[in-house]
Protein backbone atom coordinates (compact mmCIF):
# COMPACT_ATOMS: atom_id res chain seq x y z
CA MET A 1 74.50 92.07 73.28
CA GLN A 2 76.44 90.34 76.06
CA LEU A 3 80.22 90.45 75.59
CA ASP A 4 82.31 87.38 76.22
CA ASP A 5 85.39 87.23 78.47
CA HIS A 6 87.88 87.88 75.64
CA ALA A 7 85.91 90.91 74.48
CA MET A 8 85.91 92.28 78.02
CA LYS A 9 89.71 91.87 78.18
CA GLU A 10 90.13 93.71 74.90
CA LEU A 11 88.03 96.53 76.32
CA MET A 12 90.26 96.63 79.39
CA LEU A 13 93.41 96.75 77.35
CA ALA A 14 91.96 99.55 75.23
CA GLY A 15 91.18 101.61 78.35
CA GLU A 16 87.41 101.28 77.85
CA TYR A 17 84.69 100.48 80.37
CA HIS A 18 84.59 96.77 81.05
CA LEU A 19 83.57 94.17 83.66
CA ALA A 20 86.43 92.31 85.30
CA ASN A 21 84.37 89.55 86.93
CA GLY A 22 84.40 87.10 84.04
CA GLU A 23 86.41 83.88 84.21
CA LEU A 24 89.33 85.04 82.06
CA LEU A 25 90.21 88.24 83.93
CA SER A 26 89.40 86.59 87.28
CA GLU A 27 91.86 83.82 86.48
CA GLU A 28 94.54 86.33 85.54
CA VAL A 29 94.04 88.10 88.84
CA ARG A 30 94.25 84.77 90.73
CA ARG A 31 97.53 83.99 88.90
CA ALA A 32 98.99 87.29 90.01
CA GLN A 33 97.81 86.81 93.58
CA LEU A 34 99.49 83.44 93.83
CA LEU A 35 102.77 84.91 92.63
CA LEU A 36 102.39 87.85 95.03
CA GLU A 37 101.72 85.53 97.92
CA GLU A 38 104.94 83.60 97.20
CA TYR A 39 107.01 86.75 96.78
CA ASN A 40 105.65 88.52 99.84
CA ARG A 41 106.35 85.58 102.14
CA SER A 42 109.80 84.81 100.66
CA SER A 43 113.05 85.14 102.55
CA VAL A 44 115.60 87.84 101.82
CA LEU A 45 117.95 84.92 101.10
CA GLU A 46 115.77 83.88 98.11
CA GLY A 47 116.94 86.66 95.79
CA GLU A 48 117.11 84.47 92.68
CA ARG A 49 113.55 83.18 93.18
CA ARG A 50 112.27 86.71 93.84
CA ARG A 51 113.78 87.81 90.55
CA GLN A 52 112.15 84.86 88.74
CA ILE A 53 108.71 85.74 90.21
CA CYS A 54 109.03 89.35 89.04
CA GLU A 55 110.03 88.32 85.58
CA GLU A 56 107.03 85.98 85.42
CA LEU A 57 104.64 88.48 86.95
CA PHE A 58 105.44 91.77 85.18
CA GLY A 59 105.22 92.79 81.53
CA GLU A 60 108.86 93.88 81.83
CA PHE A 61 111.28 93.78 84.73
CA GLY A 62 114.60 95.51 84.10
CA GLU A 63 118.07 94.43 85.14
CA GLY A 64 118.81 95.40 88.73
CA ALA A 65 115.23 96.39 89.56
CA TYR A 66 114.07 95.43 93.05
CA LEU A 67 110.84 95.55 95.07
CA ARG A 68 110.82 95.19 98.84
CA PRO A 69 107.98 92.98 99.97
CA PRO A 70 105.17 93.28 100.45
CA PHE A 71 103.87 94.86 97.28
CA TYR A 72 100.54 94.40 95.45
CA CYS A 73 99.12 94.52 91.94
CA ASN A 74 96.05 93.42 89.95
CA TYR A 75 97.44 91.68 86.88
CA GLY A 76 101.20 92.24 86.81
CA TYR A 77 101.54 91.97 83.02
CA GLN A 78 100.15 95.49 82.77
CA THR A 79 103.16 96.88 84.66
CA LYS A 80 106.62 97.50 83.18
CA ILE A 81 109.51 98.37 85.49
CA GLY A 82 112.78 99.75 84.18
CA ALA A 83 116.36 98.84 85.07
CA ARG A 84 117.67 99.68 88.54
CA SER A 85 114.31 100.98 89.73
CA PHE A 86 113.44 100.39 93.39
CA ALA A 87 110.14 100.11 95.27
CA ASN A 88 110.14 100.32 99.07
CA PHE A 89 107.73 98.48 101.37
CA GLY A 90 104.01 98.38 100.65
CA VAL A 91 103.85 99.79 97.08
CA ILE A 92 100.58 99.27 95.15
CA PHE A 93 100.33 98.89 91.34
CA LEU A 94 96.63 99.03 90.47
CA ASP A 95 97.39 98.03 86.90
CA VAL A 96 94.01 97.86 85.15
CA GLY A 97 95.59 100.41 82.83
CA GLN A 98 99.23 99.99 81.81
CA ILE A 99 101.85 101.27 84.27
CA THR A 100 105.21 102.12 82.79
CA ILE A 101 108.04 102.87 85.22
CA GLY A 102 111.32 104.14 83.75
CA GLU A 103 114.87 103.42 84.78
CA ASP A 104 116.38 104.42 88.12
CA VAL A 105 113.01 105.30 89.62
CA LEU A 106 112.56 105.40 93.43
CA LEU A 107 109.10 104.52 94.75
CA GLY A 108 108.70 105.46 98.41
CA SER A 109 107.05 103.21 100.96
CA TYR A 110 103.30 102.84 100.56
CA SER A 111 103.13 104.85 97.37
CA GLN A 112 100.22 103.92 95.08
CA LEU A 113 100.04 103.94 91.30
CA LEU A 114 96.30 103.72 90.57
CA ALA A 115 95.71 103.23 86.84
CA ALA A 116 92.00 102.48 87.30
CA GLY A 117 88.66 104.08 87.90
CA HIS A 118 84.86 103.64 87.93
CA THR A 119 81.96 105.55 86.45
CA ILE A 120 80.28 108.17 88.69
CA GLU A 121 76.89 107.01 87.38
CA PRO A 122 75.41 104.99 90.30
CA GLU A 123 73.81 102.06 88.44
CA SER A 124 76.88 101.39 86.27
CA ARG A 125 79.11 101.59 89.31
CA ARG A 126 76.83 99.18 91.21
CA ALA A 127 77.24 96.76 88.30
CA LYS A 128 81.01 97.05 88.72
CA TRP A 129 81.88 98.66 85.35
CA GLY A 130 85.40 100.06 85.47
CA TYR A 131 88.18 101.33 83.22
CA GLY A 132 91.92 101.81 83.15
CA LYS A 133 94.12 104.68 82.04
CA PRO A 134 97.91 104.46 81.69
CA ILE A 135 100.38 105.87 84.15
CA THR A 136 103.91 106.74 82.95
CA ILE A 137 106.77 107.47 85.38
CA GLY A 138 109.85 108.87 83.66
CA ASP A 139 113.47 107.88 84.29
CA ASN A 140 115.04 108.90 87.60
CA VAL A 141 111.77 110.04 89.25
CA TRP A 142 111.59 109.99 93.05
CA LEU A 143 108.09 109.38 94.27
CA GLY A 144 107.82 110.17 97.98
CA ALA A 145 106.44 107.84 100.65
CA GLY A 146 102.63 107.61 100.68
CA SER A 147 102.16 109.40 97.38
CA ILE A 148 99.22 108.60 95.12
CA VAL A 149 99.35 108.80 91.32
CA GLY A 150 95.99 108.69 89.55
CA PRO A 151 94.91 107.24 86.22
CA GLY A 152 96.17 108.90 83.04
CA VAL A 153 99.06 110.72 84.70
CA THR A 154 102.59 111.15 83.29
CA ILE A 155 105.46 112.30 85.54
CA GLY A 156 108.48 113.57 83.63
CA GLU A 157 112.06 112.43 84.13
CA ASN A 158 114.01 113.53 87.20
CA ALA A 159 110.92 114.90 88.96
CA VAL A 160 110.59 114.65 92.74
CA ILE A 161 107.13 114.17 94.26
CA GLY A 162 106.78 115.05 97.92
CA ALA A 163 105.59 112.51 100.46
CA ASN A 164 101.79 112.03 100.72
CA SER A 165 101.19 114.04 97.55
CA VAL A 166 98.18 113.27 95.32
CA VAL A 167 99.12 113.50 91.63
CA MET A 168 96.06 113.71 89.39
CA LYS A 169 97.56 115.79 86.56
CA ASP A 170 100.75 115.49 84.55
CA ILE A 171 103.99 116.70 86.17
CA PRO A 172 106.77 118.00 83.91
CA ALA A 173 110.38 116.85 84.00
CA ASN A 174 112.99 118.30 86.38
CA VAL A 175 110.64 119.78 88.98
CA VAL A 176 109.67 119.32 92.62
CA ALA A 177 105.92 118.89 93.19
CA VAL A 178 104.09 118.54 96.49
CA GLY A 179 100.64 118.59 97.96
CA ALA A 180 97.09 117.32 97.43
CA PRO A 181 96.57 118.00 94.66
CA ALA A 182 100.28 118.07 93.78
CA ARG A 183 101.61 121.38 92.48
CA VAL A 184 105.02 122.30 91.15
CA ILE A 185 106.93 124.38 93.72
CA ARG A 186 110.25 124.75 91.93
CA THR A 187 112.53 123.62 89.15
CA ILE A 188 115.52 121.33 89.77
CA GLU A 189 118.58 123.14 88.44
CA PRO A 190 121.27 121.28 86.45
CA GLY A 191 123.94 119.95 88.78
CA GLU A 192 121.93 120.77 91.87
CA ASP A 193 122.96 118.55 94.78
CA ARG A 194 121.48 119.34 98.18
CA PRO A 195 119.31 117.37 100.62
CA ILE A 196 115.55 117.57 100.28
CA ASP A 197 113.41 116.37 103.19
CA ILE A 198 109.98 116.27 101.57
CA ALA A 199 110.05 112.86 99.89
CA SER A 200 111.58 110.22 102.16
């Protein structure tokens, strides 16, 4: 039985395999792209309009949150960004699955949150079946420049992820993790305050 556009969207929202080439999801992607185009070509003097675009684009956009253009996403409404969080240049939100970013999060330049995947079965992949799994970034996480976070991953509060790390499994709170794949290298002690040069 062929599924209609609304059924495909429900499958997407449920994290199930779906096709995103129907008119409904395609129109939602076009809507996001138009907002992204406006944001990414806007002037630094247009702060109020930038804020309006983010509030229209994202599922939630907290007070004091800011994204340096350019940034990119699929749908926008699948991403929630907490208060005072900051994304540096070139961040990607592949939000087929829901992306939840806590408060006071730092996303380094060109970091990627990839809440999406495809089947490894060749014929299904050729037909463009895909799925989403949620990504959750806890409060006060620092995600280093060029880092990649895969589908289904949770990073606990206060964690620091080293630059160019590839995070494909959950990372607990209050740790430093680096590498590809990312591995915990130490715990962050209460009150610790010293420079760390792995996550610019």
